[in-house]
Amino acid sequence: MVSVDADKCIGCGSCAAVCPDGFEMKDDGKAHVKDAKAPCIGEGVSSCPVDAISQ
């Protein structure tokens, strides 16, 4: 299961930039999981500079 800790997320968008099929930025300025089974999901997780995404 992939999840984003909203308290840790700084909204930089690196996960969505690296893996747009797996993550999206929403109106709250935070990243949200779009498709946890996207092939690039691991890259998106590892791109988070504050480790707000767990897998």
Protein backbone atom coordinates (compact mmCIF):
# COMPACT_ATOMS: atom_id res chain seq x y z
CA MET A 1 0.00 0.00 0.00
CA VAL A 2 1.33 3.42 -0.95
CA SER A 3 0.33 6.40 1.16
CA VAL A 4 1.25 10.04 1.53
CA ASP A 5 1.62 11.55 5.00
CA ALA A 6 -0.15 14.89 4.50
CA ASP A 7 1.52 16.35 7.59
CA LYS A 8 4.99 15.68 6.13
CA CYS A 9 4.21 16.51 2.48
CA ILE A 10 5.58 19.91 1.46
CA GLY A 11 3.82 19.87 -1.92
CA CYS A 12 6.96 20.07 -4.04
CA GLY A 13 5.40 17.85 -6.72
CA SER A 14 8.46 15.72 -7.42
CA CYS A 15 6.48 12.49 -7.09
CA ALA A 16 3.88 13.65 -9.61
CA ALA A 17 6.59 14.93 -11.96
CA VAL A 18 8.46 11.61 -11.88
CA CYS A 19 5.34 9.43 -11.87
CA PRO A 20 2.25 11.26 -13.15
CA ASP A 21 0.37 7.97 -13.51
CA GLY A 22 0.86 7.22 -9.80
CA PHE A 23 0.61 10.60 -8.10
CA GLU A 24 -1.29 13.85 -8.51
CA MET A 25 -1.24 17.21 -6.81
CA LYS A 26 -4.64 18.29 -5.55
CA ASP A 27 -6.16 21.62 -4.57
CA ASP A 28 -4.88 21.24 -1.01
CA GLY A 29 -1.34 21.57 -2.38
CA LYS A 30 -0.45 18.05 -1.32
CA ALA A 31 0.41 14.91 -3.23
CA HIS A 32 -2.15 12.14 -3.45
CA VAL A 33 -1.85 8.57 -4.68
CA LYS A 34 -3.60 8.22 -8.02
CA ASP A 35 -2.65 4.63 -8.93
CA ALA A 36 -0.52 2.62 -6.49
CA LYS A 37 0.06 -0.01 -9.17
CA ALA A 38 1.64 2.37 -11.69
CA PRO A 39 5.00 0.99 -12.90
CA CYS A 40 6.82 4.15 -11.87
CA ILE A 41 5.42 4.28 -8.32
CA GLY A 42 8.76 3.34 -6.71
CA GLU A 43 10.50 6.22 -8.46
CA GLY A 44 7.85 8.60 -7.19
CA VAL A 45 8.24 7.32 -3.64
CA SER A 46 12.02 7.68 -3.70
CA SER A 47 11.84 11.17 -5.23
CA CYS A 48 10.17 12.65 -2.14
CA PRO A 49 12.72 14.93 -0.41
CA VAL A 50 10.99 14.69 2.98
CA ASP A 51 10.11 10.97 2.94
CA ALA A 52 6.40 11.69 3.17
CA ILE A 53 5.47 8.71 1.00
CA SER A 54 5.54 5.17 2.31
CA GLN A 55 5.26 1.99 0.30
